[in-house]
Amino acid sequence: AGSGKGKRVYLTVAAVVLIMAILGSGVLAARWWRGGNFAGIAASASPSPSPSPTATASPSPTPTPEPKPANRPRNAGKPSKLKKAWDKLKGILP
């Protein structure tokens, strides 16, 4: 057997690994549920046929950037559940 402090370190490491595994599987499940793209870059790596370039006059030398939608402020007063859990975990660990 091991000493009390060593046992606590092993339990802490095991708890962190378990929490990471649970959070990782939760992220994967959420992406699947929302229909997220798991392949990411690998899906866009295969070349697709493109039309041959033609000499046409461009209306402007540089394309105008599309306006980005404004970010909505999230719940500023209320911390998320993940934030609360993280704060609890930080309080438990030395």
Protein backbone atom coordinates (compact mmCIF):
# COMPACT_ATOMS: atom_id res chain seq x y z
CA ALA A 1 0.00 0.00 0.00
CA GLY A 2 1.03 3.63 -0.17
CA SER A 3 1.12 6.56 2.17
CA GLY A 4 -1.94 8.72 2.71
CA LYS A 5 -0.56 11.68 0.75
CA GLY A 6 0.51 9.50 -2.18
CA LYS A 7 -2.90 7.87 -2.29
CA ARG A 8 -4.55 11.29 -2.37
CA VAL A 9 -2.36 12.35 -5.32
CA TYR A 10 -3.33 9.21 -7.25
CA LEU A 11 -7.01 9.78 -6.48
CA THR A 12 -6.74 13.42 -7.60
CA VAL A 13 -5.06 12.44 -10.87
CA ALA A 14 -7.66 9.73 -11.46
CA ALA A 15 -10.48 12.22 -10.76
CA VAL A 16 -9.03 14.77 -13.22
CA VAL A 17 -8.65 12.10 -15.92
CA LEU A 18 -12.21 10.91 -15.30
CA ILE A 19 -13.58 14.47 -15.49
CA MET A 20 -11.69 15.08 -18.74
CA ALA A 21 -13.08 11.86 -20.22
CA ILE A 22 -16.63 12.79 -19.20
CA LEU A 23 -16.30 16.32 -20.57
CA GLY A 24 -14.76 15.04 -23.81
CA SER A 25 -17.55 12.56 -24.36
CA GLY A 26 -20.05 15.31 -23.56
CA VAL A 27 -18.51 17.57 -26.20
CA LEU A 28 -18.60 14.77 -28.77
CA ALA A 29 -22.22 14.00 -27.92
CA ALA A 30 -23.15 17.68 -28.19
CA ARG A 31 -21.46 18.00 -31.58
CA TRP A 32 -23.23 14.86 -32.79
CA TRP A 33 -26.56 16.07 -31.45
CA ARG A 34 -26.21 19.43 -33.23
CA GLY A 35 -24.93 17.80 -36.40
CA GLY A 36 -21.40 19.17 -36.11
CA ASN A 37 -18.69 18.23 -38.58
CA PHE A 38 -16.36 15.67 -36.94
CA ALA A 39 -13.99 15.41 -39.90
CA GLY A 40 -13.14 19.12 -39.81
CA ILE A 41 -10.14 19.79 -42.03
CA ALA A 42 -9.91 16.23 -43.31
CA ALA A 43 -13.25 16.57 -45.09
CA SER A 44 -12.14 19.64 -47.03
CA ALA A 45 -8.72 18.22 -47.90
CA SER A 46 -9.86 16.35 -51.01
CA PRO A 47 -9.66 18.52 -54.13
CA SER A 48 -12.89 19.26 -55.90
CA PRO A 49 -13.16 20.10 -59.57
CA SER A 50 -13.39 23.81 -60.19
CA PRO A 51 -14.45 25.65 -63.32
CA SER A 52 -11.68 26.91 -65.54
CA PRO A 53 -10.87 30.58 -65.10
CA THR A 54 -12.35 32.94 -67.65
CA ALA A 55 -11.31 36.49 -68.45
CA THR A 56 -14.23 38.58 -67.25
CA ALA A 57 -14.15 42.15 -66.01
CA SER A 58 -14.47 42.52 -62.27
CA PRO A 59 -16.74 45.32 -61.02
CA SER A 60 -14.28 46.20 -58.25
CA PRO A 61 -10.60 45.36 -57.83
CA THR A 62 -11.09 44.09 -54.27
CA PRO A 63 -14.17 42.34 -52.94
CA THR A 64 -15.97 44.12 -50.14
CA PRO A 65 -16.00 42.18 -46.86
CA GLU A 66 -19.37 40.97 -45.66
CA PRO A 67 -20.56 42.53 -42.41
CA LYS A 68 -20.22 40.20 -39.45
CA PRO A 69 -23.20 39.75 -37.14
CA ALA A 70 -22.83 41.46 -33.79
CA ASN A 71 -22.12 39.16 -30.87
CA ARG A 72 -24.94 39.01 -28.39
CA PRO A 73 -23.91 39.47 -24.78
CA ARG A 74 -24.29 36.24 -22.85
CA ASN A 75 -25.65 35.95 -19.36
CA ALA A 76 -23.31 38.49 -17.81
CA GLY A 77 -24.65 38.24 -14.26
CA LYS A 78 -24.98 34.47 -14.01
CA PRO A 79 -21.95 32.15 -14.42
CA SER A 80 -22.40 29.01 -16.50
CA LYS A 81 -22.71 25.54 -15.01
CA LEU A 82 -19.31 24.64 -16.40
CA LYS A 83 -17.76 27.68 -14.71
CA LYS A 84 -19.40 26.74 -11.39
CA ALA A 85 -18.11 23.16 -11.68
CA TRP A 86 -14.61 24.41 -12.55
CA ASP A 87 -14.60 26.72 -9.51
CA LYS A 88 -15.68 23.83 -7.26
CA LEU A 89 -12.93 21.60 -8.71
CA LYS A 90 -10.33 24.32 -8.14
CA GLY A 91 -11.54 24.66 -4.54
CA ILE A 92 -11.16 20.93 -3.92
CA LEU A 93 -7.69 20.54 -5.43
CA PRO A 94 -4.72 21.93 -3.47
